[in-house]
């Protein structure tokens, strides 16, 4: 089996058996293509590649300037690829079995304080046509801890305000119900009242989408990124933030307030509790800073 067929079969496996999103599939294919180009240069096929070849491949990634996190991600995809070939009996042994992953120091994400969240929203001019929409976007990202992809795909039929929940379609098309507070509900309703004024311009394919651009179409993730950056600048926030910063802030503030880790995991849509545990590290950092600021024997 050549590289082209092996990679195509693996991608189909990820799509059909693992139900990965198209974004994830595209990332896996890009990583597999890197391995393919390397292997072609050495003249080795999937069946004949060995551990030392893969270690040389990882060394090449390092030489190209990829950081350890990127190297680790690519290696994870390569492991999955060879486990698939093993499952399909294309190979007899897994060449990745004894390869160590690059050691990655855990980088704590940037987090905004409650005061900074308030400043971000206070920077919005509600008299402008997109004011109420942008305020609702920021409040929903923060109050519900959404990924930006989840926010831009949020539908009117996902809003259950009477029950105090929204339905979120997360990674792998998995659904979850997330509580939504009164403030976010009020901000969304204020925006929807304004949204009705562009009803005649709404694209038929976007009619059920909550957050629309000025032409009545679904917002892009890049547009939400631009919105967050704009108001951070206006609010004088010097931190390097993105829509994901509001999700990190949501989780951190819950943990600081004493929320159960499993509940936070459920609300964030994390498959593994280990992913959620990073916020306990953030909480410990917060506690240390508090002690260093106020303890008399610091």
C-alpha atoms as a PDB file:
ATOM      1  CA  UNK A   1       0.000   0.000   0.000  1.00  0.00           C
ATOM      2  CA  UNK A   2       1.495   3.351  -1.056  1.00  0.00           C
ATOM      3  CA  UNK A   3       1.407   6.558   0.970  1.00  0.00           C
ATOM      4  CA  UNK A   4      -1.428   8.115  -1.058  1.00  0.00           C
ATOM      5  CA  UNK A   5      -3.794   5.168  -0.545  1.00  0.00           C
ATOM      6  CA  UNK A   6      -2.786   4.670   3.088  1.00  0.00           C
ATOM      7  CA  UNK A   7      -3.387   8.314   3.981  1.00  0.00           C
ATOM      8  CA  UNK A   8      -6.683   8.449   2.043  1.00  0.00           C
ATOM      9  CA  UNK A   9      -7.909   5.337   3.885  1.00  0.00           C
ATOM     10  CA  UNK A  10      -6.858   6.789   7.251  1.00  0.00           C
ATOM     11  CA  UNK A  11      -8.628  10.075   6.525  1.00  0.00           C
ATOM     12  CA  UNK A  12     -11.809   8.185   5.579  1.00  0.00           C
ATOM     13  CA  UNK A  13     -11.488   6.238   8.838  1.00  0.00           C
ATOM     14  CA  UNK A  14     -11.260   9.491  10.827  1.00  0.00           C
ATOM     15  CA  UNK A  15     -14.237  10.928   8.988  1.00  0.00           C
ATOM     16  CA  UNK A  16     -16.553   7.911   9.068  1.00  0.00           C
ATOM     17  CA  UNK A  17     -15.496   5.966  12.163  1.00  0.00           C
ATOM     18  CA  UNK A  18     -14.242   8.744  14.449  1.00  0.00           C
ATOM     19  CA  UNK A  19     -16.688  11.421  13.195  1.00  0.00           C
ATOM     20  CA  UNK A  20     -14.029  14.146  13.355  1.00  0.00           C
ATOM     21  CA  UNK A  21     -14.840  17.640  12.113  1.00  0.00           C
ATOM     22  CA  UNK A  22     -13.592  18.745   8.705  1.00  0.00           C
ATOM     23  CA  UNK A  23     -11.197  21.192  10.399  1.00  0.00           C
ATOM     24  CA  UNK A  24      -9.617  18.352  12.399  1.00  0.00           C
ATOM     25  CA  UNK A  25      -9.455  16.127   9.325  1.00  0.00           C
ATOM     26  CA  UNK A  26      -7.720  18.871   7.320  1.00  0.00           C
ATOM     27  CA  UNK A  27      -5.142  19.249  10.118  1.00  0.00           C
ATOM     28  CA  UNK A  28      -4.487  15.490  10.197  1.00  0.00           C
ATOM     29  CA  UNK A  29      -4.059  15.381   6.424  1.00  0.00           C
ATOM     30  CA  UNK A  30      -1.583  18.285   6.505  1.00  0.00           C
ATOM     31  CA  UNK A  31       0.471  16.442   9.145  1.00  0.00           C
ATOM     32  CA  UNK A  32       0.358  13.157   7.227  1.00  0.00           C
ATOM     33  CA  UNK A  33       1.474  14.966   4.078  1.00  0.00           C
ATOM     34  CA  UNK A  34       4.585  16.147   5.957  1.00  0.00           C
ATOM     35  CA  UNK A  35       5.399  12.540   6.828  1.00  0.00           C
ATOM     36  CA  UNK A  36       4.701  11.437   3.245  1.00  0.00           C
ATOM     37  CA  UNK A  37       7.107  14.014   1.780  1.00  0.00           C
ATOM     38  CA  UNK A  38       9.796  12.981   4.268  1.00  0.00           C
ATOM     39  CA  UNK A  39       9.317   9.249   3.552  1.00  0.00           C
ATOM     40  CA  UNK A  40       9.374   9.787  -0.210  1.00  0.00           C
ATOM     41  CA  UNK A  41      12.720  11.542   0.163  1.00  0.00           C
ATOM     42  CA  UNK A  42      14.084   8.455   1.904  1.00  0.00           C
ATOM     43  CA  UNK A  43      12.359   6.028  -0.450  1.00  0.00           C
ATOM     44  CA  UNK A  44      10.429   4.172   2.277  1.00  0.00           C
ATOM     45  CA  UNK A  45       6.829   2.965   2.132  1.00  0.00           C
ATOM     46  CA  UNK A  46       4.364   2.813   5.067  1.00  0.00           C
ATOM     47  CA  UNK A  47       5.057  -0.919   5.484  1.00  0.00           C
ATOM     48  CA  UNK A  48       8.833  -0.476   5.709  1.00  0.00           C
ATOM     49  CA  UNK A  49       9.222   2.691   7.793  1.00  0.00           C
ATOM     50  CA  UNK A  50      11.007   2.147  11.101  1.00  0.00           C
ATOM     51  CA  UNK A  51      11.440   3.864  14.446  1.00  0.00           C
ATOM     52  CA  UNK A  52      14.762   5.457  13.463  1.00  0.00           C
ATOM     53  CA  UNK A  53      13.105   6.926  10.337  1.00  0.00           C
ATOM     54  CA  UNK A  54      10.403   8.528  12.476  1.00  0.00           C
ATOM     55  CA  UNK A  55      12.954   9.876  14.950  1.00  0.00           C
ATOM     56  CA  UNK A  56      14.755  11.449  11.983  1.00  0.00           C
ATOM     57  CA  UNK A  57      11.403  12.896  10.839  1.00  0.00           C
ATOM     58  CA  UNK A  58      10.849  14.489  14.266  1.00  0.00           C
ATOM     59  CA  UNK A  59      14.393  15.889  14.225  1.00  0.00           C
ATOM     60  CA  UNK A  60      13.632  17.437  10.840  1.00  0.00           C
ATOM     61  CA  UNK A  61      10.501  19.088  12.259  1.00  0.00           C
ATOM     62  CA  UNK A  62      12.669  20.574  15.016  1.00  0.00           C
ATOM     63  CA  UNK A  63      15.189  21.830  12.445  1.00  0.00           C
ATOM     64  CA  UNK A  64      12.344  23.481  10.518  1.00  0.00           C
ATOM     65  CA  UNK A  65      11.575  25.543  13.621  1.00  0.00           C
ATOM     66  CA  UNK A  66       8.368  23.833  14.784  1.00  0.00           C
ATOM     67  CA  UNK A  67       7.910  24.185  18.520  1.00  0.00           C
ATOM     68  CA  UNK A  68       7.510  21.187  20.838  1.00  0.00           C
ATOM     69  CA  UNK A  69       3.739  21.562  20.983  1.00  0.00           C
ATOM     70  CA  UNK A  70       3.476  21.338  17.184  1.00  0.00           C
ATOM     71  CA  UNK A  71       5.907  18.416  17.102  1.00  0.00           C
ATOM     72  CA  UNK A  72       3.857  16.624  19.752  1.00  0.00           C
ATOM     73  CA  UNK A  73       0.624  17.214  17.838  1.00  0.00           C
ATOM     74  CA  UNK A  74       2.115  15.846  14.623  1.00  0.00           C
ATOM     75  CA  UNK A  75       3.513  12.812  16.456  1.00  0.00           C
ATOM     76  CA  UNK A  76       0.069  12.149  17.934  1.00  0.00           C
ATOM     77  CA  UNK A  77      -1.398  12.062  14.412  1.00  0.00           C
ATOM     78  CA  UNK A  78       1.427   9.808  13.212  1.00  0.00           C
ATOM     79  CA  UNK A  79       0.764   7.410  16.116  1.00  0.00           C
ATOM     80  CA  UNK A  80      -2.911   7.264  15.161  1.00  0.00           C
ATOM     81  CA  UNK A  81      -2.000   6.588  11.540  1.00  0.00           C
ATOM     82  CA  UNK A  82       0.236   3.611  12.355  1.00  0.00           C
ATOM     83  CA  UNK A  83      -2.252   2.222  14.887  1.00  0.00           C
ATOM     84  CA  UNK A  84      -4.812   2.294  12.067  1.00  0.00           C
ATOM     85  CA  UNK A  85      -2.392   0.449   9.719  1.00  0.00           C
ATOM     86  CA  UNK A  86      -1.810  -2.120  12.483  1.00  0.00           C
ATOM     87  CA  UNK A  87      -5.571  -2.556  12.894  1.00  0.00           C
ATOM     88  CA  UNK A  88      -5.914  -3.066   9.141  1.00  0.00           C
ATOM     89  CA  UNK A  89      -3.001  -5.564   9.210  1.00  0.00           C
ATOM     90  CA  UNK A  90      -1.010  -3.465   6.743  1.00  0.00           C
ATOM     91  CA  UNK A  91       1.920  -3.556   9.211  1.00  0.00           C
ATOM     92  CA  UNK A  92       2.925  -6.131  11.852  1.00  0.00           C
ATOM     93  CA  UNK A  93       4.496  -3.784  14.409  1.00  0.00           C
ATOM     94  CA  UNK A  94       3.909  -0.157  15.380  1.00  0.00           C
ATOM     95  CA  UNK A  95       7.083   1.873  14.654  1.00  0.00           C
ATOM     96  CA  UNK A  96       5.917   4.677  16.996  1.00  0.00           C
ATOM     97  CA  UNK A  97       5.601   2.444  20.058  1.00  0.00           C
ATOM     98  CA  UNK A  98       8.938   3.346  21.680  1.00  0.00           C
ATOM     99  CA  UNK A  99       9.120   6.967  20.532  1.00  0.00           C
ATOM    100  CA  UNK A 100       8.893   9.523  23.359  1.00  0.00           C
ATOM    101  CA  UNK A 101       6.782  12.613  22.870  1.00  0.00           C
ATOM    102  CA  UNK A 102       8.571  15.984  23.132  1.00  0.00           C
ATOM    103  CA  UNK A 103       8.377  17.279  26.688  1.00  0.00           C
ATOM    104  CA  UNK A 104       6.045  20.269  26.802  1.00  0.00           C
ATOM    105  CA  UNK A 105       5.826  22.653  29.709  1.00  0.00           C
ATOM    106  CA  UNK A 106       2.225  23.425  30.515  1.00  0.00           C
ATOM    107  CA  UNK A 107       1.506  26.984  29.454  1.00  0.00           C
ATOM    108  CA  UNK A 108      -1.271  28.599  31.430  1.00  0.00           C
ATOM    109  CA  UNK A 109      -3.697  30.519  29.220  1.00  0.00           C
ATOM    110  CA  UNK A 110      -4.276  34.261  29.517  1.00  0.00           C
ATOM    111  CA  UNK A 111      -7.239  35.109  31.743  1.00  0.00           C
ATOM    112  CA  UNK A 112      -9.223  38.317  32.224  1.00  0.00           C
ATOM    113  CA  UNK A 113     -10.431  39.512  35.604  1.00  0.00           C
ATOM    114  CA  UNK A 114     -14.123  40.250  36.127  1.00  0.00           C
ATOM    115  CA  UNK A 115     -13.249  43.965  36.071  1.00  0.00           C
ATOM    116  CA  UNK A 116     -11.540  43.535  32.695  1.00  0.00           C
ATOM    117  CA  UNK A 117     -14.578  41.686  31.309  1.00  0.00           C
ATOM    118  CA  UNK A 118     -16.746  44.594  32.478  1.00  0.00           C
ATOM    119  CA  UNK A 119     -14.336  47.093  30.893  1.00  0.00           C
ATOM    120  CA  UNK A 120     -14.439  45.161  27.630  1.00  0.00           C
ATOM    121  CA  UNK A 121     -18.223  45.428  27.506  1.00  0.00           C
ATOM    122  CA  UNK A 122     -18.238  49.048  28.700  1.00  0.00           C
ATOM    123  CA  UNK A 123     -16.061  49.968  25.678  1.00  0.00           C
ATOM    124  CA  UNK A 124     -18.908  49.062  23.307  1.00  0.00           C
ATOM    125  CA  UNK A 125     -20.917  51.957  21.859  1.00  0.00           C
ATOM    126  CA  UNK A 126     -24.491  50.655  21.979  1.00  0.00           C
ATOM    127  CA  UNK A 127     -25.719  53.484  19.737  1.00  0.00           C
ATOM    128  CA  UNK A 128     -23.883  51.948  16.784  1.00  0.00           C
ATOM    129  CA  UNK A 129     -25.658  49.374  14.579  1.00  0.00           C
ATOM    130  CA  UNK A 130     -23.453  46.487  15.713  1.00  0.00           C
ATOM    131  CA  UNK A 131     -23.247  47.575  19.365  1.00  0.00           C
ATOM    132  CA  UNK A 132     -25.865  45.297  20.894  1.00  0.00           C
ATOM    133  CA  UNK A 133     -24.682  42.370  18.762  1.00  0.00           C
ATOM    134  CA  UNK A 134     -21.075  42.762  19.885  1.00  0.00           C
ATOM    135  CA  UNK A 135     -22.067  43.084  23.541  1.00  0.00           C
ATOM    136  CA  UNK A 136     -24.176  39.934  23.257  1.00  0.00           C
ATOM    137  CA  UNK A 137     -21.260  38.108  21.596  1.00  0.00           C
ATOM    138  CA  UNK A 138     -18.818  38.984  24.380  1.00  0.00           C
ATOM    139  CA  UNK A 139     -21.300  38.229  27.148  1.00  0.00           C
ATOM    140  CA  UNK A 140     -22.280  34.873  25.600  1.00  0.00           C
ATOM    141  CA  UNK A 141     -18.657  33.800  25.119  1.00  0.00           C
ATOM    142  CA  UNK A 142     -17.905  34.645  28.737  1.00  0.00           C
ATOM    143  CA  UNK A 143     -21.135  33.610  30.452  1.00  0.00           C
ATOM    144  CA  UNK A 144     -21.408  30.259  28.660  1.00  0.00           C
ATOM    145  CA  UNK A 145     -17.727  29.449  28.065  1.00  0.00           C
ATOM    146  CA  UNK A 146     -18.236  28.793  24.367  1.00  0.00           C
ATOM    147  CA  UNK A 147     -15.607  28.085  21.738  1.00  0.00           C
ATOM    148  CA  UNK A 148     -15.765  30.671  18.955  1.00  0.00           C
ATOM    149  CA  UNK A 149     -16.855  27.952  16.483  1.00  0.00           C
ATOM    150  CA  UNK A 150     -19.756  27.127  18.810  1.00  0.00           C
ATOM    151  CA  UNK A 151     -20.756  30.779  19.089  1.00  0.00           C
ATOM    152  CA  UNK A 152     -20.877  31.479  15.338  1.00  0.00           C
ATOM    153  CA  UNK A 153     -22.923  28.286  14.799  1.00  0.00           C
ATOM    154  CA  UNK A 154     -25.419  29.038  17.588  1.00  0.00           C
ATOM    155  CA  UNK A 155     -28.982  28.829  16.246  1.00  0.00           C
ATOM    156  CA  UNK A 156     -32.204  30.512  17.325  1.00  0.00           C
ATOM    157  CA  UNK A 157     -33.639  27.023  17.871  1.00  0.00           C
ATOM    158  CA  UNK A 158     -30.794  26.359  20.358  1.00  0.00           C
ATOM    159  CA  UNK A 159     -32.013  29.075  22.732  1.00  0.00           C
ATOM    160  CA  UNK A 160     -34.157  27.823  25.623  1.00  0.00           C
ATOM    161  CA  UNK A 161     -34.305  31.016  27.647  1.00  0.00           C
ATOM    162  CA  UNK A 162     -37.415  29.993  29.612  1.00  0.00           C
ATOM    163  CA  UNK A 163     -35.485  27.012  30.964  1.00  0.00           C
ATOM    164  CA  UNK A 164     -32.240  28.995  31.319  1.00  0.00           C
ATOM    165  CA  UNK A 165     -30.182  26.878  28.880  1.00  0.00           C
ATOM    166  CA  UNK A 166     -28.699  26.962  25.418  1.00  0.00           C
ATOM    167  CA  UNK A 167     -27.899  23.921  23.298  1.00  0.00           C
ATOM    168  CA  UNK A 168     -24.328  23.879  22.012  1.00  0.00           C
ATOM    169  CA  UNK A 169     -22.953  21.770  19.163  1.00  0.00           C
ATOM    170  CA  UNK A 170     -19.339  21.089  20.115  1.00  0.00           C
ATOM    171  CA  UNK A 171     -16.426  19.110  18.710  1.00  0.00           C
ATOM    172  CA  UNK A 172     -17.422  15.988  16.815  1.00  0.00           C
ATOM    173  CA  UNK A 173     -20.995  17.360  16.579  1.00  0.00           C
ATOM    174  CA  UNK A 174     -21.561  16.447  20.238  1.00  0.00           C
ATOM    175  CA  UNK A 175     -24.452  18.313  21.854  1.00  0.00           C
ATOM    176  CA  UNK A 176     -24.478  19.686  25.366  1.00  0.00           C
ATOM    177  CA  UNK A 177     -26.790  21.945  27.363  1.00  0.00           C
ATOM    178  CA  UNK A 178     -25.110  24.952  28.968  1.00  0.00           C
ATOM    179  CA  UNK A 179     -26.760  27.206  31.571  1.00  0.00           C
ATOM    180  CA  UNK A 180     -27.169  30.816  30.507  1.00  0.00           C
ATOM    181  CA  UNK A 181     -27.596  33.686  32.949  1.00  0.00           C
ATOM    182  CA  UNK A 182     -30.040  36.581  32.965  1.00  0.00           C
ATOM    183  CA  UNK A 183     -27.438  39.102  31.786  1.00  0.00           C
ATOM    184  CA  UNK A 184     -26.543  37.110  28.671  1.00  0.00           C
ATOM    185  CA  UNK A 185     -30.237  36.449  27.955  1.00  0.00           C
ATOM    186  CA  UNK A 186     -31.008  40.176  28.200  1.00  0.00           C
ATOM    187  CA  UNK A 187     -28.067  41.083  25.950  1.00  0.00           C
ATOM    188  CA  UNK A 188     -29.080  38.519  23.320  1.00  0.00           C
ATOM    189  CA  UNK A 189     -32.712  39.662  23.425  1.00  0.00           C
ATOM    190  CA  UNK A 190     -31.638  43.313  23.011  1.00  0.00           C
ATOM    191  CA  UNK A 191     -29.615  42.284  19.958  1.00  0.00           C
ATOM    192  CA  UNK A 192     -32.435  40.127  18.516  1.00  0.00           C
ATOM    193  CA  UNK A 193     -34.849  43.056  18.773  1.00  0.00           C
ATOM    194  CA  UNK A 194     -32.372  45.065  16.686  1.00  0.00           C
ATOM    195  CA  UNK A 195     -31.696  42.104  14.367  1.00  0.00           C
ATOM    196  CA  UNK A 196     -35.328  42.160  13.280  1.00  0.00           C
ATOM    197  CA  UNK A 197     -34.673  45.488  11.538  1.00  0.00           C
ATOM    198  CA  UNK A 198     -32.474  43.730   8.947  1.00  0.00           C
ATOM    199  CA  UNK A 199     -34.920  40.848   8.475  1.00  0.00           C
ATOM    200  CA  UNK A 200     -35.362  41.562   4.761  1.00  0.00           C
ATOM    201  CA  UNK A 201     -31.580  41.274   4.221  1.00  0.00           C
ATOM    202  CA  UNK A 202     -31.049  38.008   6.096  1.00  0.00           C
ATOM    203  CA  UNK A 203     -29.634  35.257   3.898  1.00  0.00           C
ATOM    204  CA  UNK A 204     -32.069  32.285   3.783  1.00  0.00           C
ATOM    205  CA  UNK A 205     -29.280  29.883   4.814  1.00  0.00           C
ATOM    206  CA  UNK A 206     -28.509  32.027   7.874  1.00  0.00           C
ATOM    207  CA  UNK A 207     -32.050  32.743   9.051  1.00  0.00           C
ATOM    208  CA  UNK A 208     -31.733  30.368  12.008  1.00  0.00           C
ATOM    209  CA  UNK A 209     -28.261  31.629  13.000  1.00  0.00           C
ATOM    210  CA  UNK A 210     -28.188  33.947  16.029  1.00  0.00           C
ATOM    211  CA  UNK A 211     -25.220  36.216  15.271  1.00  0.00           C
ATOM    212  CA  UNK A 212     -25.142  37.749  11.787  1.00  0.00           C
ATOM    213  CA  UNK A 213     -22.955  40.247   9.965  1.00  0.00           C
ATOM    214  CA  UNK A 214     -24.290  43.461   8.390  1.00  0.00           C
ATOM    215  CA  UNK A 215     -25.208  41.557   5.218  1.00  0.00           C
ATOM    216  CA  UNK A 216     -27.383  39.098   7.103  1.00  0.00           C
ATOM    217  CA  UNK A 217     -24.969  36.176   6.907  1.00  0.00           C
ATOM    218  CA  UNK A 218     -23.282  33.993   9.510  1.00  0.00           C
ATOM    219  CA  UNK A 219     -20.255  35.569  11.190  1.00  0.00           C
ATOM    220  CA  UNK A 220     -16.813  34.091  10.608  1.00  0.00           C
ATOM    221  CA  UNK A 221     -14.522  33.116  13.488  1.00  0.00           C
ATOM    222  CA  UNK A 222     -12.040  35.699  12.227  1.00  0.00           C
ATOM    223  CA  UNK A 223     -14.649  38.450  12.559  1.00  0.00           C
ATOM    224  CA  UNK A 224     -15.279  37.544  16.206  1.00  0.00           C
ATOM    225  CA  UNK A 225     -11.510  37.626  16.814  1.00  0.00           C
ATOM    226  CA  UNK A 226     -11.397  41.144  15.313  1.00  0.00           C
ATOM    227  CA  UNK A 227     -14.302  42.278  17.513  1.00  0.00           C
ATOM    228  CA  UNK A 228     -12.584  41.076  20.703  1.00  0.00           C
ATOM    229  CA  UNK A 229      -9.277  42.706  19.740  1.00  0.00           C
ATOM    230  CA  UNK A 230     -11.008  45.997  18.932  1.00  0.00           C
ATOM    231  CA  UNK A 231     -12.718  46.344  22.319  1.00  0.00           C
ATOM    232  CA  UNK A 232      -9.683  45.129  24.243  1.00  0.00           C
ATOM    233  CA  UNK A 233      -7.741  47.993  22.675  1.00  0.00           C
ATOM    234  CA  UNK A 234     -10.514  50.502  23.444  1.00  0.00           C
ATOM    235  CA  UNK A 235     -10.699  49.242  27.048  1.00  0.00           C
ATOM    236  CA  UNK A 236      -6.933  49.641  27.481  1.00  0.00           C
ATOM    237  CA  UNK A 237      -6.402  45.910  28.115  1.00  0.00           C
ATOM    238  CA  UNK A 238      -2.756  45.117  27.353  1.00  0.00           C
ATOM    239  CA  UNK A 239      -3.060  41.322  27.511  1.00  0.00           C
ATOM    240  CA  UNK A 240      -2.885  39.360  24.272  1.00  0.00           C
ATOM    241  CA  UNK A 241      -6.450  38.062  24.159  1.00  0.00           C
ATOM    242  CA  UNK A 242      -8.757  36.250  21.761  1.00  0.00           C
ATOM    243  CA  UNK A 243     -12.303  34.820  21.922  1.00  0.00           C
ATOM    244  CA  UNK A 244     -10.818  31.759  23.669  1.00  0.00           C
ATOM    245  CA  UNK A 245      -9.604  34.027  26.495  1.00  0.00           C
ATOM    246  CA  UNK A 246     -13.244  34.570  27.483  1.00  0.00           C
ATOM    247  CA  UNK A 247     -13.742  30.784  27.645  1.00  0.00           C
ATOM    248  CA  UNK A 248     -10.637  30.452  29.848  1.00  0.00           C
ATOM    249  CA  UNK A 249     -11.901  33.286  32.044  1.00  0.00           C
ATOM    250  CA  UNK A 250     -15.330  31.620  32.388  1.00  0.00           C
ATOM    251  CA  UNK A 251     -13.744  28.365  33.601  1.00  0.00           C
ATOM    252  CA  UNK A 252     -11.206  30.050  35.875  1.00  0.00           C
ATOM    253  CA  UNK A 253     -13.798  32.224  37.591  1.00  0.00           C
ATOM    254  CA  UNK A 254     -16.025  29.189  38.183  1.00  0.00           C
ATOM    255  CA  UNK A 255     -13.163  27.214  39.750  1.00  0.00           C
ATOM    256  CA  UNK A 256     -12.142  30.215  41.870  1.00  0.00           C
ATOM    257  CA  UNK A 257     -15.732  30.433  43.053  1.00  0.00           C
ATOM    258  CA  UNK A 258     -15.714  26.802  44.176  1.00  0.00           C
ATOM    259  CA  UNK A 259     -17.483  25.105  41.250  1.00  0.00           C
ATOM    260  CA  UNK A 260     -17.139  21.328  40.937  1.00  0.00           C
ATOM    261  CA  UNK A 261     -14.503  20.328  38.365  1.00  0.00           C
ATOM    262  CA  UNK A 262     -16.816  17.745  36.760  1.00  0.00           C
ATOM    263  CA  UNK A 263     -19.518  20.382  36.318  1.00  0.00           C
ATOM    264  CA  UNK A 264     -17.034  22.722  34.639  1.00  0.00           C
ATOM    265  CA  UNK A 265     -15.885  19.842  32.401  1.00  0.00           C
ATOM    266  CA  UNK A 266     -19.494  19.251  31.356  1.00  0.00           C
ATOM    267  CA  UNK A 267     -20.134  22.919  30.607  1.00  0.00           C
ATOM    268  CA  UNK A 268     -16.932  23.276  28.571  1.00  0.00           C
ATOM    269  CA  UNK A 269     -17.590  20.075  26.640  1.00  0.00           C
ATOM    270  CA  UNK A 270     -14.175  18.595  27.494  1.00  0.00           C
ATOM    271  CA  UNK A 271     -13.933  14.886  26.723  1.00  0.00           C
ATOM    272  CA  UNK A 272     -11.250  14.365  29.385  1.00  0.00           C
ATOM    273  CA  UNK A 273     -11.195  15.728  32.922  1.00  0.00           C
ATOM    274  CA  UNK A 274      -7.440  16.230  32.474  1.00  0.00           C
ATOM    275  CA  UNK A 275      -8.111  19.037  29.990  1.00  0.00           C
ATOM    276  CA  UNK A 276     -10.278  20.798  32.564  1.00  0.00           C
ATOM    277  CA  UNK A 277      -7.683  20.331  35.308  1.00  0.00           C
ATOM    278  CA  UNK A 278      -5.524  23.110  33.843  1.00  0.00           C
ATOM    279  CA  UNK A 279      -7.960  25.520  35.507  1.00  0.00           C
ATOM    280  CA  UNK A 280      -7.062  24.127  38.923  1.00  0.00           C
ATOM    281  CA  UNK A 281      -3.486  25.201  38.136  1.00  0.00           C
ATOM    282  CA  UNK A 282      -4.783  28.647  37.282  1.00  0.00           C
ATOM    283  CA  UNK A 283      -6.695  28.655  40.551  1.00  0.00           C
ATOM    284  CA  UNK A 284      -3.534  27.719  42.473  1.00  0.00           C
ATOM    285  CA  UNK A 285      -1.680  30.539  40.733  1.00  0.00           C
ATOM    286  CA  UNK A 286      -4.491  32.914  41.757  1.00  0.00           C
ATOM    287  CA  UNK A 287      -4.265  31.706  45.357  1.00  0.00           C
ATOM    288  CA  UNK A 288      -0.491  32.192  45.401  1.00  0.00           C
ATOM    289  CA  UNK A 289      -0.797  35.727  44.035  1.00  0.00           C
ATOM    290  CA  UNK A 290      -3.439  36.498  46.670  1.00  0.00           C
ATOM    291  CA  UNK A 291      -1.212  35.183  49.469  1.00  0.00           C
ATOM    292  CA  UNK A 292       1.813  37.088  48.173  1.00  0.00           C
ATOM    293  CA  UNK A 293      -0.235  40.264  48.058  1.00  0.00           C
ATOM    294  CA  UNK A 294      -1.928  40.080  51.459  1.00  0.00           C
ATOM    295  CA  UNK A 295      -0.084  37.677  53.804  1.00  0.00           C
ATOM    296  CA  UNK A 296       2.005  39.524  56.413  1.00  0.00           C
ATOM    297  CA  UNK A 297       4.864  36.959  56.177  1.00  0.00           C
ATOM    298  CA  UNK A 298       5.049  36.852  52.395  1.00  0.00           C
END
